[in-house]
PDB file of N, CA and C in Angstrom:
ATOM      1  N   MET A   1     -13.716 -30.082  19.730  1.00  0.00           N
ATOM      2  CA  MET A   1     -12.664 -30.666  18.962  1.00  0.00           C
ATOM      3  C   MET A   1     -11.512 -29.664  18.928  1.00  0.00           C
ATOM      4  N   MET A   2     -10.329 -30.094  19.256  1.00  0.00           N
ATOM      5  CA  MET A   2      -9.163 -29.222  19.184  1.00  0.00           C
ATOM      6  C   MET A   2      -8.618 -29.257  17.762  1.00  0.00           C
ATOM      7  N   LYS A   3      -8.202 -28.115  17.280  1.00  0.00           N
ATOM      8  CA  LYS A   3      -7.663 -28.009  15.931  1.00  0.00           C
ATOM      9  C   LYS A   3      -6.239 -28.548  15.911  1.00  0.00           C
ATOM     10  N   GLU A   4      -5.937 -29.395  14.943  1.00  0.00           N
ATOM     11  CA  GLU A   4      -4.577 -29.903  14.798  1.00  0.00           C
ATOM     12  C   GLU A   4      -3.704 -28.897  14.057  1.00  0.00           C
ATOM     13  N   GLU A   5      -4.268 -28.235  13.061  1.00  0.00           N
ATOM     14  CA  GLU A   5      -3.531 -27.215  12.326  1.00  0.00           C
ATOM     15  C   GLU A   5      -4.225 -25.880  12.542  1.00  0.00           C
ATOM     16  N   PRO A   6      -3.451 -24.814  12.681  1.00  0.00           N
ATOM     17  CA  PRO A   6      -4.082 -23.520  12.953  1.00  0.00           C
ATOM     18  C   PRO A   6      -4.935 -23.041  11.781  1.00  0.00           C
ATOM     19  N   VAL A   7      -6.001 -22.367  12.130  1.00  0.00           N
ATOM     20  CA  VAL A   7      -6.849 -21.693  11.159  1.00  0.00           C
ATOM     21  C   VAL A   7      -6.838 -20.217  11.551  1.00  0.00           C
ATOM     22  N   ILE A   8      -6.799 -19.358  10.556  1.00  0.00           N
ATOM     23  CA  ILE A   8      -6.803 -17.915  10.795  1.00  0.00           C
ATOM     24  C   ILE A   8      -8.179 -17.378  10.429  1.00  0.00           C
ATOM     25  N   ILE A   9      -8.746 -16.590  11.325  1.00  0.00           N
ATOM     26  CA  ILE A   9     -10.024 -15.928  11.065  1.00  0.00           C
ATOM     27  C   ILE A   9      -9.730 -14.466  10.759  1.00  0.00           C
ATOM     28  N   ARG A  10     -10.194 -14.005   9.606  1.00  0.00           N
ATOM     29  CA  ARG A  10     -10.049 -12.603   9.216  1.00  0.00           C
ATOM     30  C   ARG A  10     -11.420 -11.957   9.372  1.00  0.00           C
ATOM     31  N   THR A  11     -11.496 -10.868  10.136  1.00  0.00           N
ATOM     32  CA  THR A  11     -12.767 -10.252  10.495  1.00  0.00           C
ATOM     33  C   THR A  11     -12.846  -8.827   9.965  1.00  0.00           C
ATOM     34  N   TRP A  12     -14.013  -8.495   9.468  1.00  0.00           N
ATOM     35  CA  TRP A  12     -14.268  -7.170   8.895  1.00  0.00           C
ATOM     36  C   TRP A  12     -15.712  -6.806   9.192  1.00  0.00           C
ATOM     37  N   SER A  13     -15.996  -5.500   9.368  1.00  0.00           N
ATOM     38  CA  SER A  13     -17.372  -5.099   9.661  1.00  0.00           C
ATOM     39  C   SER A  13     -17.798  -3.896   8.832  1.00  0.00           C
ATOM     40  N   ALA A  14     -19.122  -3.753   8.726  1.00  0.00           N
ATOM     41  CA  ALA A  14     -19.719  -2.651   7.958  1.00  0.00           C
ATOM     42  C   ALA A  14     -21.094  -2.366   8.538  1.00  0.00           C
ATOM     43  N   ARG A  15     -21.679  -1.252   8.103  1.00  0.00           N
ATOM     44  CA  ARG A  15     -23.054  -0.901   8.474  1.00  0.00           C
ATOM     45  C   ARG A  15     -23.851  -0.670   7.203  1.00  0.00           C
ATOM     46  N   ALA A  16     -25.143  -1.011   7.283  1.00  0.00           N
ATOM     47  CA  ALA A  16     -26.034  -0.854   6.129  1.00  0.00           C
ATOM     48  C   ALA A  16     -27.450  -0.612   6.622  1.00  0.00           C
ATOM     49  N   THR A  17     -28.294  -0.154   5.714  1.00  0.00           N
ATOM     50  CA  THR A  17     -29.727  -0.136   5.993  1.00  0.00           C
ATOM     51  C   THR A  17     -30.204  -1.593   5.952  1.00  0.00           C
ATOM     52  N   ALA A  18     -31.446  -1.835   6.357  1.00  0.00           N
ATOM     53  CA  ALA A  18     -31.978  -3.200   6.286  1.00  0.00           C
ATOM     54  C   ALA A  18     -31.962  -3.711   4.842  1.00  0.00           C
ATOM     55  N   ALA A  19     -32.370  -2.859   3.900  1.00  0.00           N
ATOM     56  CA  ALA A  19     -32.366  -3.260   2.485  1.00  0.00           C
ATOM     57  C   ALA A  19     -30.943  -3.480   1.989  1.00  0.00           C
ATOM     58  N   GLY A  20     -30.036  -2.595   2.372  1.00  0.00           N
ATOM     59  CA  GLY A  20     -28.640  -2.742   1.967  1.00  0.00           C
ATOM     60  C   GLY A  20     -28.020  -4.002   2.535  1.00  0.00           C
ATOM     61  N   ALA A  21     -28.356  -4.346   3.778  1.00  0.00           N
ATOM     62  CA  ALA A  21     -27.832  -5.565   4.393  1.00  0.00           C
ATOM     63  C   ALA A  21     -28.330  -6.800   3.651  1.00  0.00           C
ATOM     64  N   SER A  22     -29.590  -6.776   3.248  1.00  0.00           N
ATOM     65  CA  SER A  22     -30.143  -7.890   2.475  1.00  0.00           C
ATOM     66  C   SER A  22     -29.421  -8.027   1.132  1.00  0.00           C
ATOM     67  N   ASP A  23     -29.206  -6.888   0.469  1.00  0.00           N
ATOM     68  CA  ASP A  23     -28.489  -6.907  -0.815  1.00  0.00           C
ATOM     69  C   ASP A  23     -27.054  -7.375  -0.628  1.00  0.00           C
ATOM     70  N   TYR A  24     -26.397  -6.927   0.459  1.00  0.00           N
ATOM     71  CA  TYR A  24     -25.020  -7.354   0.710  1.00  0.00           C
ATOM     72  C   TYR A  24     -24.965  -8.857   0.988  1.00  0.00           C
ATOM     73  N   CYS A  25     -25.945  -9.358   1.707  1.00  0.00           N
ATOM     74  CA  CYS A  25     -25.997 -10.793   1.989  1.00  0.00           C
ATOM     75  C   CYS A  25     -26.081 -11.589   0.678  1.00  0.00           C
ATOM     76  N   ASP A  26     -26.926 -11.137  -0.242  1.00  0.00           N
ATOM     77  CA  ASP A  26     -27.014 -11.792  -1.557  1.00  0.00           C
ATOM     78  C   ASP A  26     -25.681 -11.708  -2.292  1.00  0.00           C
ATOM     79  N   TYR A  27     -25.043 -10.535  -2.268  1.00  0.00           N
ATOM     80  CA  TYR A  27     -23.734 -10.366  -2.895  1.00  0.00           C
ATOM     81  C   TYR A  27     -22.717 -11.327  -2.276  1.00  0.00           C
ATOM     82  N   PHE A  28     -22.695 -11.387  -0.960  1.00  0.00           N
ATOM     83  CA  PHE A  28     -21.747 -12.246  -0.244  1.00  0.00           C
ATOM     84  C   PHE A  28     -21.927 -13.708  -0.672  1.00  0.00           C
ATOM     85  N   ALA A  29     -23.185 -14.156  -0.692  1.00  0.00           N
ATOM     86  CA  ALA A  29     -23.477 -15.553  -1.002  1.00  0.00           C
ATOM     87  C   ALA A  29     -23.247 -15.913  -2.461  1.00  0.00           C
ATOM     88  N   HIS A  30     -23.620 -15.010  -3.373  1.00  0.00           N
ATOM     89  CA  HIS A  30     -23.644 -15.378  -4.786  1.00  0.00           C
ATOM     90  C   HIS A  30     -22.491 -14.827  -5.618  1.00  0.00           C
ATOM     91  N   THR A  31     -21.768 -13.845  -5.094  1.00  0.00           N
ATOM     92  CA  THR A  31     -20.648 -13.266  -5.833  1.00  0.00           C
ATOM     93  C   THR A  31     -19.325 -13.487  -5.107  1.00  0.00           C
ATOM     94  N   LEU A  32     -19.259 -13.065  -3.849  1.00  0.00           N
ATOM     95  CA  LEU A  32     -17.993 -13.150  -3.114  1.00  0.00           C
ATOM     96  C   LEU A  32     -17.605 -14.587  -2.787  1.00  0.00           C
ATOM     97  N   LEU A  33     -18.504 -15.362  -2.192  1.00  0.00           N
ATOM     98  CA  LEU A  33     -18.139 -16.724  -1.808  1.00  0.00           C
ATOM     99  C   LEU A  33     -17.673 -17.592  -2.980  1.00  0.00           C
ATOM    100  N   PRO A  34     -18.329 -17.549  -4.131  1.00  0.00           N
ATOM    101  CA  PRO A  34     -17.812 -18.342  -5.249  1.00  0.00           C
ATOM    102  C   PRO A  34     -16.376 -17.959  -5.634  1.00  0.00           C
ATOM    103  N   GLU A  35     -16.041 -16.676  -5.537  1.00  0.00           N
ATOM    104  CA  GLU A  35     -14.670 -16.247  -5.837  1.00  0.00           C
ATOM    105  C   GLU A  35     -13.693 -16.723  -4.757  1.00  0.00           C
ATOM    106  N   LEU A  36     -14.088 -16.611  -3.497  1.00  0.00           N
ATOM    107  CA  LEU A  36     -13.217 -17.058  -2.410  1.00  0.00           C
ATOM    108  C   LEU A  36     -12.962 -18.560  -2.481  1.00  0.00           C
ATOM    109  N   ARG A  37     -13.976 -19.322  -2.852  1.00  0.00           N
ATOM    110  CA  ARG A  37     -13.832 -20.782  -2.928  1.00  0.00           C
ATOM    111  C   ARG A  37     -12.799 -21.217  -3.964  1.00  0.00           C
ATOM    112  N   LYS A  38     -12.477 -20.358  -4.910  1.00  0.00           N
ATOM    113  CA  LYS A  38     -11.464 -20.665  -5.919  1.00  0.00           C
ATOM    114  C   LYS A  38     -10.043 -20.530  -5.379  1.00  0.00           C
ATOM    115  N   LEU A  39      -9.882 -19.867  -4.226  1.00  0.00           N
ATOM    116  CA  LEU A  39      -8.556 -19.592  -3.680  1.00  0.00           C
ATOM    117  C   LEU A  39      -8.062 -20.747  -2.822  1.00  0.00           C
ATOM    118  N   ALA A  40      -6.858 -21.205  -3.111  1.00  0.00           N
ATOM    119  CA  ALA A  40      -6.236 -22.238  -2.275  1.00  0.00           C
ATOM    120  C   ALA A  40      -6.067 -21.687  -0.870  1.00  0.00           C
ATOM    121  N   GLY A  41      -6.430 -22.466   0.120  1.00  0.00           N
ATOM    122  CA  GLY A  41      -6.272 -22.045   1.500  1.00  0.00           C
ATOM    123  C   GLY A  41      -7.486 -21.371   2.104  1.00  0.00           C
ATOM    124  N   PHE A  42      -8.521 -21.094   1.295  1.00  0.00           N
ATOM    125  CA  PHE A  42      -9.758 -20.565   1.849  1.00  0.00           C
ATOM    126  C   PHE A  42     -10.485 -21.715   2.534  1.00  0.00           C
ATOM    127  N   ALA A  43     -10.935 -21.492   3.779  1.00  0.00           N
ATOM    128  CA  ALA A  43     -11.510 -22.583   4.568  1.00  0.00           C
ATOM    129  C   ALA A  43     -12.946 -22.323   5.015  1.00  0.00           C
ATOM    130  N   GLY A  44     -13.582 -21.260   4.518  1.00  0.00           N
ATOM    131  CA  GLY A  44     -14.977 -21.014   4.864  1.00  0.00           C
ATOM    132  C   GLY A  44     -15.213 -19.582   5.309  1.00  0.00           C
ATOM    133  N   ALA A  45     -16.496 -19.268   5.540  1.00  0.00           N
ATOM    134  CA  ALA A  45     -16.855 -17.910   5.935  1.00  0.00           C
ATOM    135  C   ALA A  45     -18.162 -17.915   6.709  1.00  0.00           C
ATOM    136  N   THR A  46     -18.318 -16.885   7.522  1.00  0.00           N
ATOM    137  CA  THR A  46     -19.552 -16.648   8.263  1.00  0.00           C
ATOM    138  C   THR A  46     -19.875 -15.165   8.137  1.00  0.00           C
ATOM    139  N   LEU A  47     -21.129 -14.851   7.849  1.00  0.00           N
ATOM    140  CA  LEU A  47     -21.585 -13.468   7.818  1.00  0.00           C
ATOM    141  C   LEU A  47     -22.629 -13.311   8.914  1.00  0.00           C
ATOM    142  N   LEU A  48     -22.372 -12.389   9.841  1.00  0.00           N
ATOM    143  CA  LEU A  48     -23.264 -12.157  10.974  1.00  0.00           C
ATOM    144  C   LEU A  48     -23.898 -10.775  10.850  1.00  0.00           C
ATOM    145  N   SER A  49     -25.050 -10.601  11.496  1.00  0.00           N
ATOM    146  CA  SER A  49     -25.672  -9.274  11.519  1.00  0.00           C
ATOM    147  C   SER A  49     -26.298  -9.031  12.882  1.00  0.00           C
ATOM    148  N   ARG A  50     -26.453  -7.738  13.184  1.00  0.00           N
ATOM    149  CA  ARG A  50     -27.202  -7.325  14.367  1.00  0.00           C
ATOM    150  C   ARG A  50     -27.689  -5.905  14.128  1.00  0.00           C
ATOM    151  N   ASP A  51     -28.800  -5.577  14.758  1.00  0.00           N
ATOM    152  CA  ASP A  51     -29.351  -4.225  14.662  1.00  0.00           C
ATOM    153  C   ASP A  51     -28.643  -3.331  15.666  1.00  0.00           C
ATOM    154  N   VAL A  52     -28.189  -2.170  15.189  1.00  0.00           N
ATOM    155  CA  VAL A  52     -27.502  -1.200  16.042  1.00  0.00           C
ATOM    156  C   VAL A  52     -27.975   0.195  15.654  1.00  0.00           C
ATOM    157  N   ASP A  53     -28.703   0.832  16.554  1.00  0.00           N
ATOM    158  CA  ASP A  53     -29.114   2.222  16.359  1.00  0.00           C
ATOM    159  C   ASP A  53     -29.787   2.467  15.009  1.00  0.00           C
ATOM    160  N   GLY A  54     -30.686   1.584  14.611  1.00  0.00           N
ATOM    161  CA  GLY A  54     -31.437   1.767  13.375  1.00  0.00           C
ATOM    162  C   GLY A  54     -30.700   1.336  12.119  1.00  0.00           C
ATOM    163  N   GLU A  55     -29.506   0.809  12.267  1.00  0.00           N
ATOM    164  CA  GLU A  55     -28.735   0.286  11.139  1.00  0.00           C
ATOM    165  C   GLU A  55     -28.470  -1.199  11.384  1.00  0.00           C
ATOM    166  N   VAL A  56     -28.001  -1.866  10.351  1.00  0.00           N
ATOM    167  CA  VAL A  56     -27.609  -3.264  10.485  1.00  0.00           C
ATOM    168  C   VAL A  56     -26.089  -3.326  10.428  1.00  0.00           C
ATOM    169  N   GLU A  57     -25.494  -3.865  11.483  1.00  0.00           N
ATOM    170  CA  GLU A  57     -24.048  -4.100  11.482  1.00  0.00           C
ATOM    171  C   GLU A  57     -23.810  -5.489  10.902  1.00  0.00           C
ATOM    172  N   LEU A  58     -22.965  -5.546   9.902  1.00  0.00           N
ATOM    173  CA  LEU A  58     -22.569  -6.806   9.287  1.00  0.00           C
ATOM    174  C   LEU A  58     -21.140  -7.104   9.698  1.00  0.00           C
ATOM    175  N   THR A  59     -20.888  -8.335  10.076  1.00  0.00           N
ATOM    176  CA  THR A  59     -19.525  -8.748  10.410  1.00  0.00           C
ATOM    177  C   THR A  59     -19.220 -10.007   9.618  1.00  0.00           C
ATOM    178  N   ALA A  60     -18.184  -9.928   8.800  1.00  0.00           N
ATOM    179  CA  ALA A  60     -17.758 -11.070   7.998  1.00  0.00           C
ATOM    180  C   ALA A  60     -16.531 -11.700   8.645  1.00  0.00           C
ATOM    181  N   HIS A  61     -16.566 -13.003   8.770  1.00  0.00           N
ATOM    182  CA  HIS A  61     -15.451 -13.768   9.313  1.00  0.00           C
ATOM    183  C   HIS A  61     -15.051 -14.790   8.248  1.00  0.00           C
ATOM    184  N   THR A  62     -13.902 -14.589   7.644  1.00  0.00           N
ATOM    185  CA  THR A  62     -13.423 -15.559   6.668  1.00  0.00           C
ATOM    186  C   THR A  62     -12.352 -16.414   7.317  1.00  0.00           C
ATOM    187  N   ARG A  63     -12.322 -17.669   6.934  1.00  0.00           N
ATOM    188  CA  ARG A  63     -11.400 -18.647   7.519  1.00  0.00           C
ATOM    189  C   ARG A  63     -10.329 -19.004   6.491  1.00  0.00           C
ATOM    190  N   TRP A  64      -9.098 -19.037   6.955  1.00  0.00           N
ATOM    191  CA  TRP A  64      -7.964 -19.283   6.069  1.00  0.00           C
ATOM    192  C   TRP A  64      -7.006 -20.283   6.702  1.00  0.00           C
ATOM    193  N   GLU A  65      -6.399 -21.104   5.859  1.00  0.00           N
ATOM    194  CA  GLU A  65      -5.451 -22.106   6.360  1.00  0.00           C
ATOM    195  C   GLU A  65      -4.084 -21.508   6.659  1.00  0.00           C
ATOM    196  N   THR A  66      -3.698 -20.469   5.921  1.00  0.00           N
ATOM    197  CA  THR A  66      -2.386 -19.852   6.121  1.00  0.00           C
ATOM    198  C   THR A  66      -2.463 -18.351   5.862  1.00  0.00           C
ATOM    199  N   GLU A  67      -1.478 -17.646   6.339  1.00  0.00           N
ATOM    200  CA  GLU A  67      -1.399 -16.214   6.056  1.00  0.00           C
ATOM    201  C   GLU A  67      -1.114 -15.988   4.565  1.00  0.00           C
ATOM    202  N   ASP A  68      -0.369 -16.882   3.934  1.00  0.00           N
ATOM    203  CA  ASP A  68      -0.127 -16.768   2.490  1.00  0.00           C
ATOM    204  C   ASP A  68      -1.436 -16.824   1.704  1.00  0.00           C
ATOM    205  N   ALA A  69      -2.391 -17.618   2.171  1.00  0.00           N
ATOM    206  CA  ALA A  69      -3.696 -17.689   1.506  1.00  0.00           C
ATOM    207  C   ALA A  69      -4.428 -16.351   1.616  1.00  0.00           C
ATOM    208  N   ILE A  70      -4.285 -15.692   2.766  1.00  0.00           N
ATOM    209  CA  ILE A  70      -4.900 -14.366   2.919  1.00  0.00           C
ATOM    210  C   ILE A  70      -4.244 -13.384   1.960  1.00  0.00           C
ATOM    211  N   HIS A  71      -2.928 -13.459   1.809  1.00  0.00           N
ATOM    212  CA  HIS A  71      -2.222 -12.575   0.877  1.00  0.00           C
ATOM    213  C   HIS A  71      -2.735 -12.771  -0.554  1.00  0.00           C
ATOM    214  N   ALA A  72      -3.046 -14.006  -0.930  1.00  0.00           N
ATOM    215  CA  ALA A  72      -3.561 -14.264  -2.284  1.00  0.00           C
ATOM    216  C   ALA A  72      -4.877 -13.522  -2.512  1.00  0.00           C
ATOM    217  N   PHE A  73      -5.643 -13.335  -1.453  1.00  0.00           N
ATOM    218  CA  PHE A  73      -6.911 -12.604  -1.542  1.00  0.00           C
ATOM    219  C   PHE A  73      -6.720 -11.101  -1.381  1.00  0.00           C
ATOM    220  N   ALA A  74      -5.978 -10.697  -0.340  1.00  0.00           N
ATOM    221  CA  ALA A  74      -5.938  -9.292   0.074  1.00  0.00           C
ATOM    222  C   ALA A  74      -4.724  -8.520  -0.424  1.00  0.00           C
ATOM    223  N   GLY A  75      -3.718  -9.192  -0.927  1.00  0.00           N
ATOM    224  CA  GLY A  75      -2.524  -8.498  -1.385  1.00  0.00           C
ATOM    225  C   GLY A  75      -1.468  -8.382  -0.303  1.00  0.00           C
ATOM    226  N   ASP A  76      -0.515  -7.479  -0.512  1.00  0.00           N
ATOM    227  CA  ASP A  76       0.627  -7.352   0.392  1.00  0.00           C
ATOM    228  C   ASP A  76       0.241  -6.973   1.812  1.00  0.00           C
ATOM    229  N   ASP A  77      -0.672  -6.021   1.969  1.00  0.00           N
ATOM    230  CA  ASP A  77      -1.084  -5.569   3.291  1.00  0.00           C
ATOM    231  C   ASP A  77      -2.420  -6.222   3.634  1.00  0.00           C
ATOM    232  N   ILE A  78      -2.368  -7.299   4.391  1.00  0.00           N
ATOM    233  CA  ILE A  78      -3.590  -8.056   4.662  1.00  0.00           C
ATOM    234  C   ILE A  78      -4.482  -7.410   5.715  1.00  0.00           C
ATOM    235  N   THR A  79      -4.076  -6.237   6.219  1.00  0.00           N
ATOM    236  CA  THR A  79      -4.935  -5.521   7.165  1.00  0.00           C
ATOM    237  C   THR A  79      -5.906  -4.582   6.446  1.00  0.00           C
ATOM    238  N   ILE A  80      -5.702  -4.352   5.165  1.00  0.00           N
ATOM    239  CA  ILE A  80      -6.585  -3.463   4.407  1.00  0.00           C
ATOM    240  C   ILE A  80      -7.817  -4.237   3.948  1.00  0.00           C
ATOM    241  N   SER A  81      -8.997  -3.664   4.162  1.00  0.00           N
ATOM    242  CA  SER A  81     -10.244  -4.292   3.730  1.00  0.00           C
ATOM    243  C   SER A  81     -10.323  -4.325   2.212  1.00  0.00           C
ATOM    244  N   ILE A  82     -10.860  -5.418   1.704  1.00  0.00           N
ATOM    245  CA  ILE A  82     -11.108  -5.554   0.275  1.00  0.00           C
ATOM    246  C   ILE A  82     -12.626  -5.482   0.092  1.00  0.00           C
ATOM    247  N   VAL A  83     -13.099  -4.346  -0.407  1.00  0.00           N
ATOM    248  CA  VAL A  83     -14.545  -4.136  -0.580  1.00  0.00           C
ATOM    249  C   VAL A  83     -14.760  -3.657  -2.018  1.00  0.00           C
ATOM    250  N   GLU A  84     -15.281  -4.518  -2.833  1.00  0.00           N
ATOM    251  CA  GLU A  84     -15.494  -4.203  -4.244  1.00  0.00           C
ATOM    252  C   GLU A  84     -16.552  -3.115  -4.402  1.00  0.00           C
ATOM    253  N   THR A  85     -16.489  -2.404  -5.523  1.00  0.00           N
ATOM    254  CA  THR A  85     -17.417  -1.311  -5.816  1.00  0.00           C
ATOM    255  C   THR A  85     -18.865  -1.772  -5.709  1.00  0.00           C
ATOM    256  N   GLN A  86     -19.159  -2.951  -6.243  1.00  0.00           N
ATOM    257  CA  GLN A  86     -20.534  -3.472  -6.183  1.00  0.00           C
ATOM    258  C   GLN A  86     -20.990  -3.611  -4.732  1.00  0.00           C
ATOM    259  N   ALA A  87     -20.127  -4.103  -3.857  1.00  0.00           N
ATOM    260  CA  ALA A  87     -20.476  -4.281  -2.444  1.00  0.00           C
ATOM    261  C   ALA A  87     -20.622  -2.935  -1.736  1.00  0.00           C
ATOM    262  N   ARG A  88     -19.766  -1.989  -2.071  1.00  0.00           N
ATOM    263  CA  ARG A  88     -19.818  -0.664  -1.436  1.00  0.00           C
ATOM    264  C   ARG A  88     -21.166   0.006  -1.643  1.00  0.00           C
ATOM    265  N   ALA A  89     -21.802  -0.261  -2.775  1.00  0.00           N
ATOM    266  CA  ALA A  89     -23.096   0.356  -3.081  1.00  0.00           C
ATOM    267  C   ALA A  89     -24.175  -0.046  -2.079  1.00  0.00           C
ATOM    268  N   PHE A  90     -24.006  -1.165  -1.390  1.00  0.00           N
ATOM    269  CA  PHE A  90     -25.005  -1.648  -0.440  1.00  0.00           C
ATOM    270  C   PHE A  90     -24.762  -1.151   0.983  1.00  0.00           C
ATOM    271  N   LEU A  91     -23.594  -0.557   1.218  1.00  0.00           N
ATOM    272  CA  LEU A  91     -23.164  -0.236   2.578  1.00  0.00           C
ATOM    273  C   LEU A  91     -23.236   1.263   2.870  1.00  0.00           C
ATOM    274  N   LEU A  92     -23.571   1.608   4.111  1.00  0.00           N
ATOM    275  CA  LEU A  92     -23.511   2.999   4.551  1.00  0.00           C
ATOM    276  C   LEU A  92     -22.067   3.393   4.835  1.00  0.00           C
ATOM    277  N   HIS A  93     -21.339   2.526   5.495  1.00  0.00           N
ATOM    278  CA  HIS A  93     -19.907   2.697   5.737  1.00  0.00           C
ATOM    279  C   HIS A  93     -19.322   1.353   6.154  1.00  0.00           C
ATOM    280  N   PHE A  94     -18.000   1.257   6.066  1.00  0.00           N
ATOM    281  CA  PHE A  94     -17.332  -0.005   6.404  1.00  0.00           C
ATOM    282  C   PHE A  94     -15.980   0.272   7.022  1.00  0.00           C
ATOM    283  N   ASP A  95     -15.504  -0.704   7.752  1.00  0.00           N
ATOM    284  CA  ASP A  95     -14.203  -0.615   8.392  1.00  0.00           C
ATOM    285  C   ASP A  95     -13.128  -0.727   7.302  1.00  0.00           C
ATOM    286  N   PRO A  96     -12.200   0.231   7.224  1.00  0.00           N
ATOM    287  CA  PRO A  96     -11.170   0.169   6.188  1.00  0.00           C
ATOM    288  C   PRO A  96     -10.093  -0.874   6.470  1.00  0.00           C
ATOM    289  N   THR A  97     -10.136  -1.473   7.652  1.00  0.00           N
ATOM    290  CA  THR A  97      -9.157  -2.503   7.989  1.00  0.00           C
ATOM    291  C   THR A  97      -9.863  -3.790   8.402  1.00  0.00           C
ATOM    292  N   ALA A  98      -9.119  -4.858   8.337  1.00  0.00           N
ATOM    293  CA  ALA A  98      -9.592  -6.168   8.781  1.00  0.00           C
ATOM    294  C   ALA A  98      -8.603  -6.680   9.824  1.00  0.00           C
ATOM    295  N   SER A  99      -9.118  -7.405  10.796  1.00  0.00           N
ATOM    296  CA  SER A  99      -8.239  -7.984  11.807  1.00  0.00           C
ATOM    297  C   SER A  99      -8.156  -9.482  11.590  1.00  0.00           C
ATOM    298  N   ARG A 100      -7.153 -10.099  12.177  1.00  0.00           N
ATOM    299  CA  ARG A 100      -7.034 -11.547  12.054  1.00  0.00           C
ATOM    300  C   ARG A 100      -6.610 -12.140  13.393  1.00  0.00           C
ATOM    301  N   ARG A 101      -7.117 -13.332  13.605  1.00  0.00           N
ATOM    302  CA  ARG A 101      -6.826 -14.069  14.830  1.00  0.00           C
ATOM    303  C   ARG A 101      -6.643 -15.540  14.492  1.00  0.00           C
ATOM    304  N   THR A 102      -5.861 -16.228  15.284  1.00  0.00           N
ATOM    305  CA  THR A 102      -5.648 -17.653  15.099  1.00  0.00           C
ATOM    306  C   THR A 102      -6.595 -18.433  16.014  1.00  0.00           C
ATOM    307  N   VAL A 103      -7.257 -19.425  15.463  1.00  0.00           N
ATOM    308  CA  VAL A 103      -8.139 -20.272  16.257  1.00  0.00           C
ATOM    309  C   VAL A 103      -7.268 -21.202  17.107  1.00  0.00           C
ATOM    310  N   LEU A 104      -7.517 -21.187  18.396  1.00  0.00           N
ATOM    311  CA  LEU A 104      -6.794 -22.061  19.307  1.00  0.00           C
ATOM    312  C   LEU A 104      -7.584 -23.322  19.632  1.00  0.00           C
ATOM    313  N   ILE A 105      -8.860 -23.152  19.904  1.00  0.00           N
ATOM    314  CA  ILE A 105      -9.751 -24.263  20.203  1.00  0.00           C
ATOM    315  C   ILE A 105     -11.065 -23.996  19.488  1.00  0.00           C
ATOM    316  N   GLU A 106     -11.638 -25.053  18.918  1.00  0.00           N
ATOM    317  CA  GLU A 106     -12.917 -24.926  18.241  1.00  0.00           C
ATOM    318  C   GLU A 106     -13.764 -26.141  18.542  1.00  0.00           C
ATOM    319  N   THR A 107     -15.037 -25.928  18.806  1.00  0.00           N
ATOM    320  CA  THR A 107     -15.974 -27.029  19.002  1.00  0.00           C
ATOM    321  C   THR A 107     -17.147 -26.838  18.058  1.00  0.00           C
ATOM    322  N   ARG A 108     -17.853 -27.887  17.834  1.00  0.00           N
ATOM    323  CA  ARG A 108     -19.067 -27.826  16.996  1.00  0.00           C
ATOM    324  C   ARG A 108     -20.159 -28.605  17.658  1.00  0.00           C
TER     325      ARG A 108
END
């Protein structure tokens, strides 16, 4: 299905232990997503994981209808990662920046 209106994907990554990744997943599902769903222009999210050198790499992909919607979440500089103190406790380290891309074609 081709997208009629552009969607922006904002991507961020982090590393955690297996236990930390599990805790972060719970945080993402039960704390972060409910807050994101309150924001106009939030269009969904995906949290991915993979094992890398004995750690778990987490990659979050949030979907947004407009760049203004991202600003409502991230503030003036939308390239800076927003990682709350509670979430930081689960992570070994995280990317201090987030990237964004526009979806050109999407299928399901």
